[in-house]
Amino acid sequence: MKCALCEEKNCYTGKDCTDFSEEIVYEDEALRSMQISAEIEARYYMQKTRLEEIILYAQKMKYRKLGIAFCIGFQKEAKTLHRILARNFEVHSVCCKVCGLEKEKFGLEKLYGKGFEATCNPLGQAEALNKEKTELNLILGLCIGHDILFTQHSTAPVTTFVVKDRVLAHNPVGALYSGYYLKKRFEIEE
C-alpha cells in the first residue's frame, strides 16, 4: 500500500482497498481502547492537549500505574510530567542512563571521545517499568532507536509524549512544513 501517495482517500467515505479487512477483529482490550480513543476525539476535538488526552485515556482505561521513560536531557520536563500525573496515578519514572553502563563495554561510539560516558539503556528502562508492573508507559524524548527498543521490551502499552528533535525544538514535523528545508535538503517542491 502507498496511502500517503493516494490523492482520493476514498477510505474516508468507506471504500476498502485491502484484501484483509475481514481478518481484523477488535475485541477485549483493543476494542475498549478504540472506544475510548473515539470518545476522546469526538468529545474533545481540538480542545485538549496531548497531555490532557493521555490523562483522560489512562483514566478511562482504568489504568492506575503509569511509567515515564525519559531522556536525561528532559529531566526538568520529566519532573513536571511526573508531578502532574501523580495527581491521578501511581507514577514510576526511569532515566535513560539507568544502571550507569559504560559505552566502552558495548563498543559504542562516544559523543565526547574520552573518559567515562554512560550509555542510554532502553532495555533497562523497560525492565525497571516492567518490574513496577506499569499499565501504560510514556516516552519522553528518547533517542531514535532507543525509543524502538524501549517499546519492543515494555510489557505495558507505550505512547509517545515527546519525540526528540534537538534541531527543531522537539517538533520533528516542522521539517515537513518548511518548504525551504524540503527543497534544499531533499529537493522536494511543495
N, C-alpha and C. Protein backbone atom coordinates (compact mmCIF):
# COMPACT_ATOMS: atom_id res chain seq x y z
N MET A 1 0.84 -1.19 0.00
CA MET A 1 0.00 0.00 0.00
C MET A 1 0.87 1.24 0.00
N LYS A 2 0.34 2.28 -0.59
CA LYS A 2 1.02 3.57 -0.62
C LYS A 2 0.00 4.67 -0.35
N CYS A 3 -0.66 4.56 0.78
CA CYS A 3 -1.74 5.50 1.12
C CYS A 3 -1.26 6.95 1.13
N ALA A 4 -0.01 7.18 1.51
CA ALA A 4 0.50 8.55 1.57
C ALA A 4 0.49 9.21 0.19
N LEU A 5 0.55 8.41 -0.86
CA LEU A 5 0.57 8.95 -2.22
C LEU A 5 -0.81 9.00 -2.87
N CYS A 6 -1.81 8.44 -2.22
CA CYS A 6 -3.18 8.41 -2.76
C CYS A 6 -3.79 9.80 -2.69
N GLU A 7 -4.36 10.25 -3.80
CA GLU A 7 -4.98 11.58 -3.85
C GLU A 7 -6.45 11.54 -3.44
N GLU A 8 -7.13 10.41 -3.58
CA GLU A 8 -8.57 10.35 -3.35
C GLU A 8 -8.94 10.13 -1.88
N LYS A 9 -8.24 9.24 -1.20
CA LYS A 9 -8.56 8.88 0.20
C LYS A 9 -10.03 8.47 0.33
N ASN A 10 -10.50 7.62 -0.58
CA ASN A 10 -11.89 7.17 -0.55
C ASN A 10 -12.19 6.29 0.65
N CYS A 11 -11.18 5.83 1.34
CA CYS A 11 -11.40 5.07 2.57
C CYS A 11 -12.14 5.93 3.59
N TYR A 12 -11.96 7.23 3.50
CA TYR A 12 -12.62 8.16 4.42
C TYR A 12 -14.14 8.08 4.30
N THR A 13 -14.61 7.66 3.12
CA THR A 13 -16.06 7.53 2.91
C THR A 13 -16.48 6.06 2.80
N GLY A 14 -15.58 5.13 3.19
CA GLY A 14 -15.97 3.73 3.29
C GLY A 14 -15.39 2.76 2.30
N LYS A 15 -14.61 3.21 1.33
CA LYS A 15 -14.03 2.28 0.36
C LYS A 15 -12.94 1.44 1.03
N ASP A 16 -12.93 0.15 0.73
CA ASP A 16 -11.92 -0.78 1.26
C ASP A 16 -10.96 -1.15 0.13
N CYS A 17 -9.72 -0.72 0.25
CA CYS A 17 -8.70 -1.00 -0.77
C CYS A 17 -7.86 -2.22 -0.40
N THR A 18 -8.22 -2.92 0.65
CA THR A 18 -7.40 -4.04 1.12
C THR A 18 -8.06 -5.37 0.79
N ASP A 19 -7.33 -6.41 1.08
CA ASP A 19 -7.88 -7.76 0.98
C ASP A 19 -7.85 -8.46 2.34
N PHE A 20 -7.72 -7.64 3.41
CA PHE A 20 -7.58 -8.24 4.74
C PHE A 20 -8.53 -7.66 5.78
N SER A 21 -9.40 -6.76 5.40
CA SER A 21 -10.24 -6.09 6.41
C SER A 21 -11.13 -7.07 7.18
N GLU A 22 -11.55 -8.14 6.54
CA GLU A 22 -12.40 -9.13 7.23
C GLU A 22 -11.62 -9.89 8.30
N GLU A 23 -10.30 -9.89 8.21
CA GLU A 23 -9.47 -10.62 9.17
C GLU A 23 -9.21 -9.82 10.45
N ILE A 24 -9.48 -8.53 10.41
CA ILE A 24 -9.19 -7.67 11.55
C ILE A 24 -10.36 -7.73 12.54
N VAL A 25 -10.04 -8.07 13.78
CA VAL A 25 -11.06 -8.19 14.81
C VAL A 25 -10.64 -7.35 16.02
N TYR A 26 -11.50 -6.42 16.38
CA TYR A 26 -11.27 -5.64 17.60
C TYR A 26 -12.14 -6.24 18.70
N GLU A 27 -11.50 -6.70 19.75
CA GLU A 27 -12.23 -7.24 20.89
C GLU A 27 -11.43 -6.99 22.15
N ASP A 28 -12.07 -7.19 23.28
CA ASP A 28 -11.44 -7.06 24.59
C ASP A 28 -10.73 -5.72 24.75
N GLU A 29 -9.46 -5.75 25.12
CA GLU A 29 -8.69 -4.54 25.41
C GLU A 29 -8.53 -3.65 24.17
N ALA A 30 -8.36 -4.25 23.00
CA ALA A 30 -8.22 -3.46 21.77
C ALA A 30 -9.51 -2.72 21.45
N LEU A 31 -10.64 -3.39 21.62
CA LEU A 31 -11.92 -2.74 21.36
C LEU A 31 -12.16 -1.62 22.37
N ARG A 32 -11.84 -1.86 23.63
CA ARG A 32 -12.01 -0.84 24.67
C ARG A 32 -11.14 0.39 24.34
N SER A 33 -9.91 0.14 23.92
CA SER A 33 -9.01 1.23 23.55
C SER A 33 -9.58 2.04 22.38
N MET A 34 -10.11 1.35 21.38
CA MET A 34 -10.70 2.05 20.23
C MET A 34 -11.92 2.88 20.65
N GLN A 35 -12.74 2.32 21.54
CA GLN A 35 -13.92 3.04 22.01
C GLN A 35 -13.53 4.31 22.76
N ILE A 36 -12.56 4.18 23.63
CA ILE A 36 -12.12 5.33 24.43
C ILE A 36 -11.45 6.38 23.54
N SER A 37 -10.63 5.94 22.60
CA SER A 37 -9.98 6.87 21.68
C SER A 37 -11.01 7.65 20.88
N ALA A 38 -12.04 6.95 20.39
CA ALA A 38 -13.09 7.62 19.62
C ALA A 38 -13.88 8.59 20.49
N GLU A 39 -14.13 8.21 21.73
CA GLU A 39 -14.85 9.08 22.66
C GLU A 39 -14.06 10.37 22.91
N ILE A 40 -12.77 10.24 23.16
CA ILE A 40 -11.94 11.41 23.41
C ILE A 40 -11.90 12.31 22.18
N GLU A 41 -11.76 11.72 21.00
CA GLU A 41 -11.73 12.51 19.78
C GLU A 41 -13.06 13.24 19.58
N ALA A 42 -14.17 12.51 19.72
CA ALA A 42 -15.49 13.09 19.47
C ALA A 42 -15.84 14.19 20.47
N ARG A 43 -15.50 14.00 21.72
CA ARG A 43 -15.91 14.96 22.75
C ARG A 43 -14.95 16.14 22.93
N TYR A 44 -13.67 15.92 22.57
CA TYR A 44 -12.68 16.96 22.89
C TYR A 44 -11.83 17.38 21.69
N TYR A 45 -12.32 17.18 20.49
CA TYR A 45 -11.57 17.50 19.28
C TYR A 45 -11.11 18.95 19.30
N MET A 46 -9.81 19.15 19.22
CA MET A 46 -9.17 20.47 19.21
C MET A 46 -9.43 21.26 20.50
N GLN A 47 -9.70 20.55 21.60
CA GLN A 47 -9.92 21.22 22.88
C GLN A 47 -8.90 20.81 23.93
N LYS A 48 -8.38 19.60 23.82
CA LYS A 48 -7.46 19.07 24.83
C LYS A 48 -6.05 18.94 24.25
N THR A 49 -5.06 19.17 25.10
CA THR A 49 -3.67 18.94 24.70
C THR A 49 -3.39 17.44 24.72
N ARG A 50 -2.27 17.07 24.16
CA ARG A 50 -1.86 15.66 24.19
C ARG A 50 -1.76 15.17 25.64
N LEU A 51 -1.23 15.98 26.53
CA LEU A 51 -1.12 15.60 27.93
C LEU A 51 -2.50 15.35 28.53
N GLU A 52 -3.44 16.23 28.28
CA GLU A 52 -4.79 16.05 28.79
C GLU A 52 -5.44 14.79 28.20
N GLU A 53 -5.19 14.54 26.93
CA GLU A 53 -5.75 13.34 26.30
C GLU A 53 -5.15 12.07 26.91
N ILE A 54 -3.86 12.08 27.19
CA ILE A 54 -3.23 10.91 27.82
C ILE A 54 -3.86 10.64 29.19
N ILE A 55 -4.07 11.69 29.97
CA ILE A 55 -4.67 11.54 31.29
C ILE A 55 -6.09 10.98 31.16
N LEU A 56 -6.89 11.54 30.27
CA LEU A 56 -8.25 11.05 30.05
C LEU A 56 -8.25 9.59 29.61
N TYR A 57 -7.39 9.27 28.65
CA TYR A 57 -7.31 7.91 28.14
C TYR A 57 -6.95 6.94 29.27
N ALA A 58 -5.94 7.26 30.03
CA ALA A 58 -5.50 6.38 31.12
C ALA A 58 -6.60 6.21 32.17
N GLN A 59 -7.29 7.28 32.48
CA GLN A 59 -8.38 7.19 33.46
C GLN A 59 -9.51 6.30 32.94
N LYS A 60 -9.89 6.51 31.69
CA LYS A 60 -10.99 5.74 31.12
C LYS A 60 -10.62 4.27 30.91
N MET A 61 -9.34 4.00 30.70
CA MET A 61 -8.87 2.61 30.59
C MET A 61 -8.72 1.98 31.97
N LYS A 62 -8.91 2.81 33.01
CA LYS A 62 -8.79 2.38 34.41
C LYS A 62 -7.38 1.94 34.78
N TYR A 63 -6.40 2.60 34.14
CA TYR A 63 -5.00 2.36 34.50
C TYR A 63 -4.72 3.08 35.81
N ARG A 64 -3.98 2.45 36.66
CA ARG A 64 -3.61 3.04 37.94
C ARG A 64 -2.12 3.38 37.99
N LYS A 65 -1.30 2.60 37.27
CA LYS A 65 0.16 2.78 37.33
C LYS A 65 0.69 3.18 35.97
N LEU A 66 1.29 4.36 35.92
CA LEU A 66 1.88 4.86 34.69
C LEU A 66 3.39 4.93 34.83
N GLY A 67 4.08 4.72 33.72
CA GLY A 67 5.53 4.82 33.69
C GLY A 67 5.97 5.91 32.73
N ILE A 68 7.09 6.54 33.06
CA ILE A 68 7.70 7.54 32.19
C ILE A 68 9.13 7.09 31.91
N ALA A 69 9.44 6.85 30.64
CA ALA A 69 10.81 6.56 30.21
C ALA A 69 11.33 7.83 29.56
N PHE A 70 12.30 8.48 30.22
CA PHE A 70 12.72 9.80 29.73
C PHE A 70 14.22 9.87 29.47
N CYS A 71 14.55 10.80 28.58
CA CYS A 71 15.94 11.14 28.29
C CYS A 71 16.42 12.08 29.38
N ILE A 72 17.67 11.91 29.79
CA ILE A 72 18.24 12.76 30.83
C ILE A 72 18.20 14.24 30.43
N GLY A 73 18.21 14.51 29.13
CA GLY A 73 18.10 15.88 28.64
C GLY A 73 16.73 16.49 28.89
N PHE A 74 15.77 15.67 29.28
CA PHE A 74 14.42 16.12 29.59
C PHE A 74 14.12 15.97 31.08
N GLN A 75 15.13 16.07 31.92
CA GLN A 75 14.91 15.82 33.34
C GLN A 75 13.94 16.82 33.97
N LYS A 76 14.00 18.08 33.56
CA LYS A 76 13.08 19.08 34.10
C LYS A 76 11.65 18.76 33.67
N GLU A 77 11.47 18.45 32.39
CA GLU A 77 10.15 18.12 31.87
C GLU A 77 9.62 16.83 32.51
N ALA A 78 10.52 15.87 32.74
CA ALA A 78 10.12 14.60 33.36
C ALA A 78 9.60 14.84 34.77
N LYS A 79 10.27 15.70 35.51
CA LYS A 79 9.84 16.00 36.87
C LYS A 79 8.45 16.64 36.87
N THR A 80 8.24 17.59 35.97
CA THR A 80 6.94 18.25 35.87
C THR A 80 5.87 17.26 35.45
N LEU A 81 6.15 16.45 34.45
CA LEU A 81 5.20 15.45 33.98
C LEU A 81 4.87 14.46 35.10
N HIS A 82 5.90 13.99 35.80
CA HIS A 82 5.70 13.06 36.91
C HIS A 82 4.75 13.68 37.95
N ARG A 83 4.99 14.92 38.32
CA ARG A 83 4.17 15.59 39.33
C ARG A 83 2.72 15.75 38.87
N ILE A 84 2.53 16.07 37.59
CA ILE A 84 1.17 16.23 37.06
C ILE A 84 0.44 14.88 37.08
N LEU A 85 1.09 13.84 36.57
CA LEU A 85 0.45 12.52 36.50
C LEU A 85 0.19 11.94 37.89
N ALA A 86 1.06 12.26 38.84
CA ALA A 86 0.92 11.72 40.20
C ALA A 86 -0.33 12.23 40.91
N ARG A 87 -0.99 13.22 40.37
CA ARG A 87 -2.24 13.71 40.94
C ARG A 87 -3.35 12.66 40.79
N ASN A 88 -3.23 11.83 39.76
CA ASN A 88 -4.29 10.87 39.45
C ASN A 88 -3.82 9.41 39.41
N PHE A 89 -2.50 9.20 39.38
CA PHE A 89 -1.97 7.86 39.17
C PHE A 89 -0.76 7.61 40.07
N GLU A 90 -0.44 6.34 40.23
CA GLU A 90 0.86 5.96 40.80
C GLU A 90 1.84 6.02 39.63
N VAL A 91 2.88 6.82 39.77
CA VAL A 91 3.79 7.06 38.65
C VAL A 91 5.19 6.56 38.98
N HIS A 92 5.80 5.90 38.01
CA HIS A 92 7.18 5.45 38.10
C HIS A 92 7.92 6.03 36.90
N SER A 93 9.08 6.60 37.14
CA SER A 93 9.85 7.20 36.05
C SER A 93 11.26 6.65 36.07
N VAL A 94 11.83 6.53 34.86
CA VAL A 94 13.17 5.97 34.76
C VAL A 94 13.95 6.72 33.68
N CYS A 95 15.14 7.16 34.07
CA CYS A 95 16.04 7.94 33.22
C CYS A 95 16.74 7.02 32.21
N CYS A 96 17.11 7.56 31.09
CA CYS A 96 17.78 6.77 30.04
C CYS A 96 19.13 6.22 30.48
N LYS A 97 19.77 6.84 31.43
CA LYS A 97 21.10 6.40 31.87
C LYS A 97 21.04 5.39 33.01
N VAL A 98 19.86 4.83 33.27
CA VAL A 98 19.68 3.87 34.35
C VAL A 98 20.74 2.77 34.28
N CYS A 99 21.27 2.40 35.39
CA CYS A 99 22.32 1.39 35.57
C CYS A 99 23.73 1.92 35.35
N GLY A 100 23.87 3.13 34.79
CA GLY A 100 25.19 3.74 34.61
C GLY A 100 26.16 2.88 33.81
N LEU A 101 25.71 2.31 32.70
CA LEU A 101 26.55 1.42 31.89
C LEU A 101 27.52 2.21 31.02
N GLU A 102 28.76 1.79 30.99
CA GLU A 102 29.82 2.43 30.20
C GLU A 102 29.67 2.07 28.72
N LYS A 103 29.76 3.08 27.86
CA LYS A 103 29.65 2.85 26.42
C LYS A 103 30.72 1.88 25.91
N GLU A 104 31.93 1.98 26.47
CA GLU A 104 33.02 1.10 26.03
C GLU A 104 32.68 -0.37 26.18
N LYS A 105 31.92 -0.70 27.22
CA LYS A 105 31.54 -2.08 27.48
C LYS A 105 30.81 -2.70 26.28
N PHE A 106 30.09 -1.87 25.53
CA PHE A 106 29.32 -2.35 24.39
C PHE A 106 29.96 -1.97 23.05
N GLY A 107 31.13 -1.37 23.10
CA GLY A 107 31.81 -0.96 21.87
C GLY A 107 31.09 0.18 21.16
N LEU A 108 30.46 1.07 21.93
CA LEU A 108 29.68 2.15 21.35
C LEU A 108 30.52 3.40 21.12
N GLU A 109 30.22 4.09 20.07
CA GLU A 109 30.88 5.35 19.77
C GLU A 109 30.53 6.37 20.86
N LYS A 110 31.53 7.17 21.24
CA LYS A 110 31.32 8.16 22.29
C LYS A 110 31.04 9.54 21.70
N LEU A 111 30.21 10.28 22.39
CA LEU A 111 29.87 11.63 21.99
C LEU A 111 31.05 12.58 22.22
N TYR A 112 31.71 12.42 23.37
CA TYR A 112 32.78 13.35 23.73
C TYR A 112 34.18 12.77 23.52
N GLY A 113 34.26 11.50 23.20
CA GLY A 113 35.53 10.90 22.83
C GLY A 113 36.33 10.25 23.94
N LYS A 114 36.55 10.95 25.04
CA LYS A 114 37.42 10.41 26.10
C LYS A 114 36.67 10.33 27.41
N GLY A 115 37.18 9.49 28.30
CA GLY A 115 36.61 9.37 29.63
C GLY A 115 35.36 8.52 29.66
N PHE A 116 34.80 8.42 30.85
CA PHE A 116 33.59 7.63 31.05
C PHE A 116 32.39 8.31 30.41
N GLU A 117 31.63 7.55 29.64
CA GLU A 117 30.35 8.02 29.13
C GLU A 117 29.33 6.92 29.36
N ALA A 118 28.30 7.24 30.09
CA ALA A 118 27.23 6.28 30.32
C ALA A 118 26.39 6.18 29.05
N THR A 119 26.02 4.96 28.71
CA THR A 119 25.15 4.76 27.55
C THR A 119 23.70 4.84 27.97
N CYS A 120 22.86 5.18 27.05
CA CYS A 120 21.43 5.07 27.29
C CYS A 120 21.11 3.58 27.39
N ASN A 121 20.10 3.26 28.14
CA ASN A 121 19.79 1.87 28.44
C ASN A 121 18.28 1.62 28.30
N PRO A 122 17.77 1.61 27.05
CA PRO A 122 16.33 1.44 26.88
C PRO A 122 15.81 0.09 27.37
N LEU A 123 16.61 -0.96 27.29
CA LEU A 123 16.18 -2.24 27.84
C LEU A 123 16.10 -2.16 29.36
N GLY A 124 17.03 -1.44 29.98
CA GLY A 124 16.99 -1.23 31.42
C GLY A 124 15.77 -0.41 31.82
N GLN A 125 15.43 0.60 31.01
CA GLN A 125 14.24 1.40 31.30
C GLN A 125 12.99 0.53 31.24
N ALA A 126 12.90 -0.29 30.20
CA ALA A 126 11.74 -1.18 30.07
C ALA A 126 11.68 -2.14 31.24
N GLU A 127 12.82 -2.71 31.61
CA GLU A 127 12.83 -3.67 32.72
C GLU A 127 12.42 -3.01 34.04
N ALA A 128 12.89 -1.79 34.27
CA ALA A 128 12.53 -1.09 35.50
C ALA A 128 11.02 -0.88 35.59
N LEU A 129 10.40 -0.47 34.48
CA LEU A 129 8.96 -0.24 34.49
C LEU A 129 8.18 -1.55 34.46
N ASN A 130 8.74 -2.57 33.81
CA ASN A 130 8.10 -3.90 33.84
C ASN A 130 8.04 -4.42 35.28
N LYS A 131 9.13 -4.23 36.02
CA LYS A 131 9.18 -4.69 37.41
C LYS A 131 8.14 -3.96 38.28
N GLU A 132 7.84 -2.73 37.93
CA GLU A 132 6.83 -1.95 38.66
C GLU A 132 5.41 -2.30 38.22
N LYS A 133 5.31 -3.10 37.15
CA LYS A 133 4.01 -3.51 36.61
C LYS A 133 3.15 -2.30 36.18
N THR A 134 3.80 -1.37 35.50
CA THR A 134 3.06 -0.22 34.99
C THR A 134 2.05 -0.72 33.94
N GLU A 135 0.99 0.04 33.78
CA GLU A 135 -0.08 -0.35 32.85
C GLU A 135 -0.06 0.46 31.56
N LEU A 136 0.62 1.59 31.58
CA LEU A 136 0.81 2.42 30.40
C LEU A 136 2.12 3.17 30.59
N ASN A 137 2.97 3.16 29.56
CA ASN A 137 4.25 3.86 29.63
C ASN A 137 4.29 4.99 28.61
N LEU A 138 4.89 6.09 29.04
CA LEU A 138 5.04 7.27 28.18
C LEU A 138 6.51 7.46 27.85
N ILE A 139 6.79 7.73 26.59
CA ILE A 139 8.15 8.07 26.17
C ILE A 139 8.27 9.59 26.18
N LEU A 140 9.33 10.05 26.80
CA LEU A 140 9.61 11.49 26.88
C LEU A 140 11.02 11.73 26.33
N GLY A 141 11.10 11.93 25.02
CA GLY A 141 12.34 12.35 24.39
C GLY A 141 13.44 11.31 24.25
N LEU A 142 13.11 10.04 24.16
CA LEU A 142 14.16 9.03 23.96
C LEU A 142 14.74 9.17 22.57
N CYS A 143 16.02 8.82 22.43
CA CYS A 143 16.70 8.88 21.14
C CYS A 143 16.07 7.91 20.15
N ILE A 144 16.24 8.19 18.87
CA ILE A 144 15.80 7.27 17.84
C ILE A 144 16.52 5.93 18.03
N GLY A 145 15.83 4.88 17.91
CA GLY A 145 16.39 3.56 18.15
C GLY A 145 16.16 3.13 19.59
N HIS A 146 16.48 4.01 20.52
CA HIS A 146 16.24 3.71 21.93
C HIS A 146 14.73 3.65 22.19
N ASP A 147 13.98 4.56 21.54
CA ASP A 147 12.52 4.53 21.68
C ASP A 147 11.95 3.22 21.14
N ILE A 148 12.52 2.75 20.05
CA ILE A 148 12.07 1.49 19.44
C ILE A 148 12.37 0.32 20.37
N LEU A 149 13.58 0.27 20.88
CA LEU A 149 13.94 -0.82 21.79
C LEU A 149 13.10 -0.79 23.06
N PHE A 150 12.86 0.40 23.60
CA PHE A 150 12.03 0.51 24.79
C PHE A 150 10.63 -0.04 24.50
N THR A 151 10.05 0.38 23.40
CA THR A 151 8.70 -0.05 23.03
C THR A 151 8.64 -1.57 22.85
N GLN A 152 9.65 -2.13 22.20
CA GLN A 152 9.68 -3.58 21.98
C GLN A 152 9.76 -4.37 23.27
N HIS A 153 10.42 -3.82 24.28
CA HIS A 153 10.67 -4.57 25.52
C HIS A 153 9.74 -4.21 26.67
N SER A 154 8.89 -3.22 26.48
CA SER A 154 7.92 -2.86 27.51
C SER A 154 6.76 -3.85 27.49
N THR A 155 6.39 -4.37 28.64
CA THR A 155 5.23 -5.25 28.68
C THR A 155 3.92 -4.46 28.67
N ALA A 156 3.97 -3.21 29.10
CA ALA A 156 2.80 -2.34 29.06
C ALA A 156 2.74 -1.64 27.71
N PRO A 157 1.54 -1.23 27.28
CA PRO A 157 1.45 -0.43 26.06
C PRO A 157 2.24 0.87 26.22
N VAL A 158 2.70 1.40 25.11
CA VAL A 158 3.55 2.60 25.12
C VAL A 158 2.95 3.66 24.21
N THR A 159 2.97 4.91 24.67
CA THR A 159 2.64 6.04 23.82
C THR A 159 3.76 7.06 23.93
N THR A 160 3.95 7.81 22.88
CA THR A 160 5.00 8.83 22.88
C THR A 160 4.39 10.16 23.25
N PHE A 161 4.97 10.79 24.27
CA PHE A 161 4.53 12.13 24.66
C PHE A 161 5.38 13.18 23.95
N VAL A 162 6.69 12.98 23.90
CA VAL A 162 7.58 13.91 23.22
C VAL A 162 8.58 13.11 22.38
N VAL A 163 8.75 13.54 21.13
CA VAL A 163 9.77 12.97 20.26
C VAL A 163 10.96 13.93 20.27
N LYS A 164 12.14 13.36 20.44
CA LYS A 164 13.35 14.20 20.47
C LYS A 164 13.72 14.66 19.06
N ASP A 165 13.94 15.95 18.93
CA ASP A 165 14.50 16.55 17.72
C ASP A 165 15.21 17.81 18.17
N ARG A 166 16.50 17.68 18.44
CA ARG A 166 17.27 18.79 19.00
C ARG A 166 17.33 19.98 18.07
N VAL A 167 17.30 19.74 16.76
CA VAL A 167 17.41 20.82 15.79
C VAL A 167 16.11 21.63 15.70
N LEU A 168 14.96 20.96 15.80
CA LEU A 168 13.68 21.63 15.60
C LEU A 168 12.87 21.78 16.89
N ALA A 169 13.56 21.98 18.01
CA ALA A 169 12.90 22.21 19.31
C ALA A 169 11.88 21.12 19.60
N HIS A 170 12.26 19.87 19.30
CA HIS A 170 11.45 18.68 19.58
C HIS A 170 10.10 18.71 18.86
N ASN A 171 10.13 19.27 17.66
CA ASN A 171 8.96 19.33 16.80
C ASN A 171 9.35 18.79 15.43
N PRO A 172 9.55 17.47 15.31
CA PRO A 172 10.08 16.91 14.06
C PRO A 172 9.22 17.15 12.84
N VAL A 173 7.93 17.35 13.01
CA VAL A 173 7.08 17.58 11.85
C VAL A 173 7.38 18.93 11.21
N GLY A 174 8.06 19.81 11.94
CA GLY A 174 8.48 21.09 11.39
C GLY A 174 9.28 20.93 10.10
N ALA A 175 10.02 19.85 9.98
CA ALA A 175 10.80 19.60 8.76
C ALA A 175 9.88 19.42 7.55
N LEU A 176 8.68 18.91 7.77
CA LEU A 176 7.75 18.70 6.66
C LEU A 176 6.98 19.96 6.30
N TYR A 177 6.98 20.95 7.20
CA TYR A 177 6.26 22.20 6.96
C TYR A 177 7.13 23.28 6.33
N SER A 178 8.43 23.07 6.30
CA SER A 178 9.34 24.09 5.77
C SER A 178 9.64 23.83 4.30
N GLY A 179 9.03 24.61 3.43
CA GLY A 179 9.28 24.47 2.00
C GLY A 179 10.74 24.67 1.66
N TYR A 180 11.37 25.64 2.30
CA TYR A 180 12.78 25.91 2.07
C TYR A 180 13.62 24.69 2.42
N TYR A 181 13.38 24.12 3.59
CA TYR A 181 14.13 22.95 4.03
C TYR A 181 13.91 21.77 3.09
N LEU A 182 12.68 21.52 2.73
CA LEU A 182 12.37 20.39 1.85
C LEU A 182 13.08 20.54 0.50
N LYS A 183 13.08 21.75 -0.02
CA LYS A 183 13.72 21.99 -1.31
C LYS A 183 15.24 21.86 -1.21
N LYS A 184 15.84 22.47 -0.21
CA LYS A 184 17.30 22.46 -0.06
C LYS A 184 17.83 21.08 0.32
N ARG A 185 17.18 20.41 1.24
CA ARG A 185 17.70 19.15 1.78
C ARG A 185 17.30 17.93 0.97
N PHE A 186 16.04 17.90 0.48
CA PHE A 186 15.52 16.71 -0.17
C PHE A 186 15.09 16.94 -1.62
N GLU A 187 15.26 18.19 -2.10
CA GLU A 187 14.88 18.55 -3.47
C GLU A 187 13.41 18.22 -3.76
N ILE A 188 12.56 18.54 -2.80
CA ILE A 188 11.11 18.32 -2.93
C ILE A 188 10.43 19.68 -2.99
N GLU A 189 9.63 19.89 -4.00
CA GLU A 189 8.83 21.11 -4.13
C GLU A 189 7.49 20.87 -3.46
N GLU A 190 6.98 21.89 -2.80
CA GLU A 190 5.67 21.74 -2.14
C GLU A 190 4.57 21.65 -3.15
